[in-house]
Amino acid sequence: MKSAKWLAALPVVAFFSGGWLSSVAPTFVLGMPFLMVWNVSWLVLTSLIMVVIDRAEGDIDAPSATASTAAGDAR
C-alpha cells in the first residue's frame, strides 16, 4: 500500500507547526512547557506511524531472502 508512505510527512508537519501552535496554546501542560509536551508526544507518535507504515508495506524482503537461501547464498 503506497498511500501509507504519505503518513511519514505527518510528523514533519507536526514538528514545524509546534512553534505556531505554542503561541495560542497554554503555557504549561502537565507542569511542562507546551512545546516540550508537543515534541515528546510527536516523538512517540512518530514511532507508531512508522510501525503502521511497516505493517502496511508487508515484508518486502521476504521473496529475495528465500530466493537467496534456496540458491545457497549464505550471508
N, C-alpha and C. Protein backbone atom coordinates (compact mmCIF):
# COMPACT_ATOMS: atom_id res chain seq x y z
N MET A 1 0.84 -1.17 0.00
CA MET A 1 0.00 0.00 0.00
C MET A 1 0.89 1.24 0.00
N LYS A 2 0.97 1.90 -1.11
CA LYS A 2 1.87 3.04 -1.24
C LYS A 2 1.31 4.29 -0.55
N SER A 3 0.02 4.34 -0.32
CA SER A 3 -0.55 5.53 0.32
C SER A 3 -0.13 5.64 1.78
N ALA A 4 0.29 4.57 2.39
CA ALA A 4 0.73 4.61 3.79
C ALA A 4 2.03 5.38 3.95
N LYS A 5 2.82 5.49 2.89
CA LYS A 5 4.08 6.23 2.98
C LYS A 5 3.85 7.72 3.18
N TRP A 6 2.70 8.22 2.78
CA TRP A 6 2.39 9.63 3.00
C TRP A 6 2.25 9.96 4.48
N LEU A 7 2.02 8.96 5.30
CA LEU A 7 1.95 9.19 6.75
C LEU A 7 3.28 9.68 7.31
N ALA A 8 4.37 9.40 6.63
CA ALA A 8 5.69 9.84 7.10
C ALA A 8 5.83 11.36 7.07
N ALA A 9 5.02 12.05 6.28
CA ALA A 9 5.08 13.51 6.23
C ALA A 9 4.39 14.15 7.43
N LEU A 10 3.52 13.41 8.08
CA LEU A 10 2.76 13.96 9.20
C LEU A 10 3.64 14.41 10.37
N PRO A 11 4.63 13.62 10.83
CA PRO A 11 5.49 14.10 11.91
C PRO A 11 6.31 15.34 11.54
N VAL A 12 6.70 15.45 10.28
CA VAL A 12 7.47 16.63 9.85
C VAL A 12 6.60 17.87 9.93
N VAL A 13 5.37 17.76 9.45
CA VAL A 13 4.44 18.89 9.52
C VAL A 13 4.14 19.23 10.98
N ALA A 14 3.96 18.22 11.80
CA ALA A 14 3.66 18.46 13.21
C ALA A 14 4.83 19.13 13.93
N PHE A 15 6.04 18.74 13.58
CA PHE A 15 7.21 19.34 14.22
C PHE A 15 7.29 20.83 13.92
N PHE A 16 7.07 21.19 12.65
CA PHE A 16 7.17 22.59 12.27
C PHE A 16 5.95 23.41 12.69
N SER A 17 4.83 22.77 12.94
CA SER A 17 3.65 23.52 13.37
C SER A 17 3.63 23.74 14.88
N GLY A 18 4.51 23.11 15.61
CA GLY A 18 4.53 23.24 17.07
C GLY A 18 4.84 24.64 17.54
N GLY A 19 5.72 25.32 16.86
CA GLY A 19 6.06 26.69 17.24
C GLY A 19 4.89 27.63 17.07
N TRP A 20 4.17 27.50 15.96
CA TRP A 20 2.99 28.33 15.73
C TRP A 20 1.91 28.00 16.75
N LEU A 21 1.74 26.73 17.00
CA LEU A 21 0.70 26.30 17.92
C LEU A 21 1.00 26.72 19.36
N SER A 22 2.26 26.83 19.71
CA SER A 22 2.61 27.20 21.07
C SER A 22 2.25 28.65 21.38
N SER A 23 2.07 29.47 20.35
CA SER A 23 1.68 30.86 20.61
C SER A 23 0.21 30.98 21.01
N VAL A 24 -0.61 30.00 20.65
CA VAL A 24 -2.03 30.05 21.00
C VAL A 24 -2.40 29.03 22.08
N ALA A 25 -1.50 28.13 22.40
CA ALA A 25 -1.78 27.09 23.39
C ALA A 25 -1.41 27.60 24.79
N PRO A 26 -1.89 26.90 25.82
CA PRO A 26 -1.50 27.30 27.18
C PRO A 26 0.01 27.16 27.38
N THR A 27 0.53 27.92 28.32
CA THR A 27 1.97 27.94 28.55
C THR A 27 2.49 26.61 29.07
N PHE A 28 1.77 26.03 30.03
CA PHE A 28 2.20 24.77 30.63
C PHE A 28 1.11 23.72 30.48
N VAL A 29 1.54 22.51 30.18
CA VAL A 29 0.65 21.36 30.10
C VAL A 29 1.27 20.27 30.95
N LEU A 30 0.54 19.78 31.92
CA LEU A 30 1.03 18.74 32.84
C LEU A 30 2.31 19.18 33.54
N GLY A 31 2.44 20.48 33.79
CA GLY A 31 3.59 21.01 34.50
C GLY A 31 4.84 21.19 33.65
N MET A 32 4.72 20.92 32.35
CA MET A 32 5.86 21.09 31.45
C MET A 32 5.51 22.13 30.39
N PRO A 33 6.52 22.77 29.82
CA PRO A 33 6.22 23.72 28.74
C PRO A 33 5.51 23.02 27.58
N PHE A 34 4.58 23.75 26.95
CA PHE A 34 3.77 23.16 25.90
C PHE A 34 4.61 22.58 24.78
N LEU A 35 5.62 23.30 24.35
CA LEU A 35 6.43 22.83 23.23
C LEU A 35 7.16 21.52 23.55
N MET A 36 7.55 21.35 24.81
CA MET A 36 8.19 20.10 25.21
C MET A 36 7.19 18.94 25.15
N VAL A 37 5.98 19.17 25.64
CA VAL A 37 4.94 18.14 25.58
C VAL A 37 4.62 17.81 24.12
N TRP A 38 4.54 18.84 23.28
CA TRP A 38 4.24 18.65 21.86
C TRP A 38 5.32 17.79 21.20
N ASN A 39 6.58 18.11 21.42
CA ASN A 39 7.67 17.36 20.78
C ASN A 39 7.78 15.93 21.30
N VAL A 40 7.62 15.74 22.59
CA VAL A 40 7.70 14.39 23.16
C VAL A 40 6.54 13.54 22.68
N SER A 41 5.35 14.11 22.63
CA SER A 41 4.21 13.33 22.16
C SER A 41 4.37 12.96 20.68
N TRP A 42 4.91 13.86 19.86
CA TRP A 42 5.12 13.52 18.46
C TRP A 42 6.30 12.57 18.27
N LEU A 43 7.21 12.53 19.20
CA LEU A 43 8.26 11.53 19.16
C LEU A 43 7.66 10.14 19.28
N VAL A 44 6.76 9.97 20.22
CA VAL A 44 6.09 8.68 20.40
C VAL A 44 5.17 8.38 19.21
N LEU A 45 4.42 9.38 18.77
CA LEU A 45 3.51 9.16 17.64
C LEU A 45 4.27 8.84 16.35
N THR A 46 5.45 9.40 16.18
CA THR A 46 6.26 9.08 15.01
C THR A 46 6.64 7.61 14.98
N SER A 47 6.97 7.07 16.13
CA SER A 47 7.29 5.64 16.20
C SER A 47 6.07 4.80 15.83
N LEU A 48 4.91 5.19 16.32
CA LEU A 48 3.70 4.44 15.98
C LEU A 48 3.36 4.56 14.50
N ILE A 49 3.57 5.72 13.92
CA ILE A 49 3.31 5.91 12.49
C ILE A 49 4.26 5.04 11.66
N MET A 50 5.51 4.95 12.08
CA MET A 50 6.46 4.11 11.35
C MET A 50 6.08 2.62 11.44
N VAL A 51 5.52 2.21 12.56
CA VAL A 51 5.04 0.83 12.69
C VAL A 51 3.87 0.60 11.74
N VAL A 52 2.97 1.56 11.64
CA VAL A 52 1.83 1.44 10.72
C VAL A 52 2.32 1.35 9.28
N ILE A 53 3.29 2.16 8.91
CA ILE A 53 3.83 2.11 7.55
C ILE A 53 4.50 0.77 7.29
N ASP A 54 5.25 0.27 8.26
CA ASP A 54 5.92 -1.02 8.10
C ASP A 54 4.92 -2.16 7.95
N ARG A 55 3.88 -2.13 8.76
CA ARG A 55 2.86 -3.18 8.65
C ARG A 55 2.09 -3.10 7.34
N ALA A 56 1.86 -1.88 6.85
CA ALA A 56 1.12 -1.72 5.60
C ALA A 56 1.91 -2.20 4.40
N GLU A 57 3.23 -2.03 4.44
CA GLU A 57 4.06 -2.47 3.32
C GLU A 57 4.25 -3.98 3.30
N GLY A 58 4.16 -4.62 4.44
CA GLY A 58 4.41 -6.04 4.49
C GLY A 58 5.89 -6.34 4.50
N ASP A 59 6.24 -7.58 4.33
CA ASP A 59 7.64 -7.97 4.32
C ASP A 59 8.14 -7.98 2.88
N ILE A 60 8.72 -6.88 2.45
CA ILE A 60 9.17 -6.74 1.07
C ILE A 60 10.38 -7.63 0.79
N ASP A 61 11.24 -7.83 1.78
CA ASP A 61 12.46 -8.59 1.57
C ASP A 61 12.26 -10.10 1.63
N ALA A 62 11.08 -10.56 1.95
CA ALA A 62 10.86 -12.00 2.10
C ALA A 62 11.12 -12.79 0.82
N PRO A 63 10.62 -12.39 -0.35
CA PRO A 63 10.90 -13.18 -1.56
C PRO A 63 12.38 -13.22 -1.91
N SER A 64 13.10 -12.11 -1.76
CA SER A 64 14.52 -12.13 -2.10
C SER A 64 15.33 -12.92 -1.08
N ALA A 65 14.90 -12.92 0.17
CA ALA A 65 15.61 -13.68 1.19
C ALA A 65 15.44 -15.19 0.98
N THR A 66 14.25 -15.61 0.60
CA THR A 66 14.04 -17.04 0.36
C THR A 66 14.74 -17.48 -0.92
N ALA A 67 14.80 -16.59 -1.91
CA ALA A 67 15.46 -16.94 -3.18
C ALA A 67 16.97 -17.09 -2.97
N SER A 68 17.55 -16.20 -2.14
CA SER A 68 18.99 -16.31 -1.92
C SER A 68 19.34 -17.53 -1.06
N THR A 69 18.44 -17.90 -0.15
CA THR A 69 18.68 -19.09 0.66
C THR A 69 18.56 -20.34 -0.19
N ALA A 70 17.61 -20.36 -1.10
CA ALA A 70 17.44 -21.52 -1.97
C ALA A 70 18.62 -21.66 -2.93
N ALA A 71 19.24 -20.55 -3.30
CA ALA A 71 20.36 -20.59 -4.22
C ALA A 71 21.67 -20.97 -3.50
N GLY A 72 21.63 -21.06 -2.18
CA GLY A 72 22.82 -21.43 -1.43
C GLY A 72 23.67 -20.25 -1.03
N ASP A 73 23.14 -19.07 -1.12
CA ASP A 73 23.87 -17.85 -0.76
C ASP A 73 23.68 -17.60 0.73
N ALA A 74 24.69 -17.94 1.53
CA ALA A 74 24.60 -17.75 2.99
C ALA A 74 25.28 -16.43 3.34
N ARG A 75 24.50 -15.48 3.79
CA ARG A 75 25.07 -14.18 4.16
C ARG A 75 25.18 -14.04 5.63
